[in-house]
Every structure is written in structure tokens, then in C-alpha cells.
N, C-alpha and C. Protein backbone atom coordinates (compact mmCIF):
# COMPACT_ATOMS: atom_id res chain seq x y z
N MET A 1 6.45 56.55 -17.24
CA MET A 1 6.55 56.33 -18.51
C MET A 1 7.80 57.28 -19.45
N ASN A 2 8.43 56.67 -20.12
CA ASN A 2 9.54 57.46 -20.94
C ASN A 2 9.02 58.45 -21.74
N ILE A 3 9.97 59.23 -22.43
CA ILE A 3 9.58 60.15 -23.56
C ILE A 3 9.19 59.57 -24.55
N ILE A 4 9.72 58.38 -25.04
CA ILE A 4 9.35 57.77 -26.36
C ILE A 4 7.92 57.19 -26.09
N SER A 5 7.70 56.47 -24.92
CA SER A 5 6.27 56.22 -24.66
C SER A 5 5.20 57.04 -24.66
N ASN A 6 5.69 58.28 -24.02
CA ASN A 6 4.83 59.56 -24.19
C ASN A 6 4.34 60.06 -25.57
N LEU A 7 5.65 60.11 -26.26
CA LEU A 7 5.65 60.57 -27.76
C LEU A 7 4.65 59.47 -28.49
N LYS A 8 4.87 58.43 -28.29
CA LYS A 8 3.93 57.19 -28.86
C LYS A 8 2.42 57.46 -28.88
N ILE A 9 2.28 57.72 -27.62
CA ILE A 9 0.92 57.68 -27.28
C ILE A 9 0.21 59.34 -27.97
N GLU A 10 1.09 60.27 -27.94
CA GLU A 10 0.54 61.61 -28.33
C GLU A 10 0.40 61.35 -29.76
N VAL A 11 1.34 60.74 -30.72
CA VAL A 11 1.39 60.58 -32.12
C VAL A 11 0.18 59.71 -32.36
N ALA A 12 -0.26 58.70 -31.70
CA ALA A 12 -1.45 57.90 -31.76
C ALA A 12 -2.62 58.50 -31.63
N ASP A 13 -2.61 59.42 -30.60
CA ASP A 13 -3.82 60.40 -30.41
C ASP A 13 -4.18 61.13 -31.46
N VAL A 14 -3.04 61.81 -32.45
CA VAL A 14 -3.06 62.83 -33.40
C VAL A 14 -3.84 61.75 -34.26
N ILE A 15 -3.05 60.70 -34.62
CA ILE A 15 -3.77 59.58 -35.66
C ILE A 15 -5.32 59.34 -35.50
N ARG A 16 -5.52 59.03 -34.21
CA ARG A 16 -7.01 58.71 -33.91
C ARG A 16 -8.00 59.82 -34.18
N GLN A 17 -7.55 61.11 -33.88
CA GLN A 17 -8.22 62.27 -34.11
C GLN A 17 -8.58 62.40 -35.60
N ILE A 18 -7.73 62.25 -36.46
CA ILE A 18 -7.81 62.42 -37.79
C ILE A 18 -8.34 61.26 -38.26
N LEU A 19 -8.26 59.84 -38.07
CA LEU A 19 -8.76 58.87 -38.60
C LEU A 19 -10.25 58.61 -38.11
N GLY A 20 -10.38 58.70 -36.74
CA GLY A 20 -11.49 58.47 -36.10
C GLY A 20 -11.12 57.73 -34.87
N ASN A 21 -11.58 58.16 -33.83
CA ASN A 21 -11.12 57.42 -32.44
C ASN A 21 -11.64 56.06 -32.15
N GLN A 22 -12.37 55.52 -33.23
CA GLN A 22 -12.56 54.01 -33.08
C GLN A 22 -11.53 53.11 -33.56
N ILE A 23 -10.41 53.76 -33.73
CA ILE A 23 -9.11 52.84 -34.32
C ILE A 23 -8.40 52.54 -32.81
N SER A 24 -8.06 51.42 -32.62
CA SER A 24 -7.43 51.20 -31.33
C SER A 24 -6.03 51.58 -31.29
N TYR A 25 -5.41 51.82 -30.33
CA TYR A 25 -3.92 52.10 -30.48
C TYR A 25 -3.25 51.00 -30.72
N THR A 26 -3.70 49.69 -30.44
CA THR A 26 -2.86 48.47 -30.78
C THR A 26 -2.80 48.43 -32.44
N THR A 27 -3.96 48.63 -33.15
CA THR A 27 -4.04 48.67 -34.49
C THR A 27 -3.00 49.76 -35.03
N ILE A 28 -2.91 50.97 -34.57
CA ILE A 28 -2.29 52.08 -35.01
C ILE A 28 -0.65 51.52 -34.93
N TYR A 29 -0.24 50.91 -33.67
CA TYR A 29 1.08 50.58 -33.51
C TYR A 29 1.44 49.45 -34.31
N GLN A 30 0.51 48.49 -34.58
CA GLN A 30 0.98 47.35 -35.44
C GLN A 30 0.60 47.28 -37.03
N GLU A 31 -0.23 48.04 -37.41
CA GLU A 31 -0.71 48.06 -38.86
C GLU A 31 0.14 49.25 -39.47
N ASN A 32 0.49 48.94 -40.88
CA ASN A 32 0.60 49.93 -41.79
C ASN A 32 -0.52 50.80 -41.90
N LEU A 33 -0.08 52.14 -41.74
CA LEU A 33 -1.20 53.22 -41.74
C LEU A 33 -2.01 52.97 -43.18
N VAL A 34 -1.44 52.78 -44.17
CA VAL A 34 -2.13 52.71 -45.19
C VAL A 34 -3.30 51.90 -45.13
N ASP A 35 -3.10 50.81 -44.36
CA ASP A 35 -3.99 49.49 -44.23
C ASP A 35 -5.33 50.20 -43.48
N ILE A 36 -5.22 51.13 -42.56
CA ILE A 36 -6.02 51.67 -41.91
C ILE A 36 -6.64 53.01 -42.22
N GLY A 37 -6.27 53.53 -43.67
CA GLY A 37 -7.02 54.65 -43.98
C GLY A 37 -5.89 55.52 -44.40
N LEU A 38 -4.74 55.79 -44.44
CA LEU A 38 -3.84 56.92 -44.84
C LEU A 38 -3.91 56.82 -46.29
N ASP A 39 -4.28 58.20 -46.48
CA ASP A 39 -4.21 58.69 -47.96
C ASP A 39 -3.44 60.17 -48.16
N SER A 40 -3.34 60.43 -49.16
CA SER A 40 -2.77 62.02 -49.20
C SER A 40 -3.13 63.08 -48.45
N LEU A 41 -4.50 63.16 -48.27
CA LEU A 41 -5.06 64.09 -47.51
C LEU A 41 -4.71 63.63 -46.08
N PHE A 42 -4.81 62.63 -45.75
CA PHE A 42 -4.54 62.14 -44.35
C PHE A 42 -3.06 62.72 -44.00
N VAL A 43 -2.21 62.63 -45.00
CA VAL A 43 -0.73 62.95 -44.62
C VAL A 43 -0.54 64.08 -44.46
N VAL A 44 -1.48 64.95 -45.38
CA VAL A 44 -1.42 66.48 -45.05
C VAL A 44 -1.69 66.78 -43.76
N ARG A 45 -3.01 66.40 -43.42
CA ARG A 45 -3.59 66.54 -42.22
C ARG A 45 -2.83 66.18 -41.09
N LEU A 46 -2.08 65.14 -41.10
CA LEU A 46 -1.29 64.39 -40.17
C LEU A 46 0.21 65.43 -39.79
N ILE A 47 0.57 65.75 -41.11
CA ILE A 47 1.78 66.72 -41.03
C ILE A 47 1.59 68.04 -40.39
N ALA A 48 0.47 68.63 -40.72
CA ALA A 48 -0.02 69.85 -40.02
C ALA A 48 -0.20 69.82 -38.58
N ALA A 49 -0.82 68.51 -38.38
CA ALA A 49 -1.24 68.57 -36.72
C ALA A 49 0.19 68.19 -35.80
N LEU A 50 0.95 67.30 -36.55
CA LEU A 50 2.34 67.16 -35.70
C LEU A 50 3.05 68.58 -35.72
N GLU A 51 3.01 69.18 -36.83
CA GLU A 51 3.77 70.44 -36.73
C GLU A 51 3.27 71.51 -35.77
N GLU A 52 1.87 71.81 -35.70
CA GLU A 52 1.39 72.42 -34.67
C GLU A 52 1.78 71.81 -33.19
N LYS A 53 1.39 70.64 -32.87
CA LYS A 53 1.54 70.07 -31.66
C LYS A 53 2.95 70.11 -31.19
N PHE A 54 3.91 69.91 -31.68
CA PHE A 54 5.28 69.75 -31.55
C PHE A 54 6.28 71.01 -31.92
N ASN A 55 5.51 71.97 -32.28
CA ASN A 55 6.24 73.04 -32.65
C ASN A 55 7.37 72.90 -33.80
N ILE A 56 7.06 72.17 -34.77
CA ILE A 56 8.27 71.82 -35.77
C ILE A 56 7.65 72.27 -37.23
N VAL A 57 8.87 72.35 -37.98
CA VAL A 57 8.43 72.39 -39.36
C VAL A 57 8.85 71.42 -40.31
N TYR A 58 8.23 70.81 -41.12
CA TYR A 58 8.92 69.84 -42.03
C TYR A 58 9.20 70.58 -43.54
N SER A 59 10.23 70.47 -43.97
CA SER A 59 10.66 70.90 -45.36
C SER A 59 10.12 70.23 -46.44
N ASP A 60 9.83 70.74 -47.62
CA ASP A 60 9.55 70.03 -48.54
C ASP A 60 9.96 68.67 -49.03
N GLU A 61 11.55 68.73 -49.02
CA GLU A 61 12.60 67.54 -49.03
C GLU A 61 12.15 66.38 -47.89
N GLU A 62 11.56 66.86 -46.85
CA GLU A 62 11.26 65.75 -45.70
C GLU A 62 10.02 64.92 -46.04
N LEU A 63 9.26 65.66 -46.88
CA LEU A 63 7.87 65.16 -47.10
C LEU A 63 7.66 63.93 -48.07
N ILE A 64 8.01 62.80 -47.57
CA ILE A 64 8.25 61.52 -48.43
C ILE A 64 7.28 60.71 -47.74
N TYR A 65 6.36 60.27 -48.56
CA TYR A 65 5.11 59.33 -48.31
C TYR A 65 5.64 58.27 -47.26
N GLU A 66 6.65 57.66 -47.82
CA GLU A 66 7.23 56.50 -46.99
C GLU A 66 7.52 56.69 -45.55
N ARG A 67 8.00 58.02 -45.25
CA ARG A 67 8.41 58.21 -43.95
C ARG A 67 6.96 58.22 -43.05
N PHE A 68 5.78 58.39 -43.67
CA PHE A 68 4.71 58.70 -42.87
C PHE A 68 3.56 57.37 -42.92
N SER A 69 4.06 56.41 -43.82
CA SER A 69 3.24 55.22 -44.05
C SER A 69 3.00 54.16 -42.86
N SER A 70 4.08 54.05 -42.29
CA SER A 70 3.95 53.22 -40.88
C SER A 70 4.12 54.11 -39.76
N PHE A 71 3.52 53.52 -38.45
CA PHE A 71 3.61 54.26 -37.26
C PHE A 71 5.01 54.30 -36.88
N ARG A 72 5.92 52.96 -37.07
CA ARG A 72 7.41 53.02 -36.81
C ARG A 72 7.98 53.96 -37.40
N SER A 73 7.88 54.25 -38.82
CA SER A 73 8.62 55.07 -39.64
C SER A 73 8.40 56.60 -39.32
N LEU A 74 7.22 56.92 -39.02
CA LEU A 74 6.62 58.04 -38.53
C LEU A 74 7.12 58.35 -37.05
N LEU A 75 6.95 57.61 -36.19
CA LEU A 75 7.73 57.79 -35.04
C LEU A 75 9.23 57.97 -35.03
N THR A 76 9.86 57.19 -35.86
CA THR A 76 11.26 57.45 -35.88
C THR A 76 11.64 59.05 -36.60
N GLU A 77 10.82 59.29 -37.78
CA GLU A 77 11.14 60.53 -38.53
C GLU A 77 10.83 61.57 -37.27
N LEU A 78 9.80 61.56 -36.58
CA LEU A 78 9.33 62.70 -35.65
C LEU A 78 10.46 62.52 -34.49
N THR A 79 10.93 61.54 -34.12
CA THR A 79 11.90 61.52 -33.09
C THR A 79 13.28 62.43 -33.31
N GLU A 80 13.63 62.23 -34.98
CA GLU A 80 14.87 62.65 -35.40
C GLU A 80 14.59 64.24 -35.35
N LYS A 81 13.37 64.39 -35.65
CA LYS A 81 13.02 66.28 -36.12
C LYS A 81 12.94 66.47 -34.63
N LEU A 82 12.42 66.01 -33.65
CA LEU A 82 12.55 66.73 -32.49
C LEU A 82 13.99 66.82 -31.80
N ARG A 83 15.02 65.92 -32.20
CA ARG A 83 16.20 66.07 -31.68
C ARG A 83 16.94 67.34 -32.51
N GLU A 84 16.55 67.54 -33.74
CA GLU A 84 16.94 68.66 -34.44
C GLU A 84 16.66 70.05 -33.88
N HIS A 85 15.44 70.08 -33.20
CA HIS A 85 14.91 71.22 -32.69
C HIS A 85 15.18 71.60 -31.53
């Protein structure tokens, strides 16, 4: 497995822990996160979990809802953040 595949699984695991493990990986990868339960509380919990898991910190300016509304945008955002770190 490559780094992106591992990251993809790790991020999906965080989402499943927050939303409930009954959500399949396929659903997370393919669906808009809003459609599977994303709300403002979820975003706060998700960001906190990602910061802790990957030892990163998001600034207030980076906390734009659209960046976390789909798995693809979330993964892109996190990948860029990890490159900076």
C-alpha cells in the first residue's frame, strides 16, 4: 500500500469512529460527507481528531466548511497540511 492509500484508510477510520462504524468505506469514499451526516459538530470533532492523530494544527483561516464537506476535499486538504508539516 502506498502512503495515500494508508492515509485514505486512516481518515476513513476517523470518520467511521465519529459517525458510527456502520458506515462503509465505500460510502465514505464516494458520498458527499453532508449526505452521510456531516454537520458543524461533526466537523469540529473531525478536525480535532485529525489534529490529534496526525499531530497538526489547523488555523482559523483554514477552517472552511467546504474543505471538509467531501472525502476527496478532506483528503486533499490533509495531504497538503501534512506536506507543510
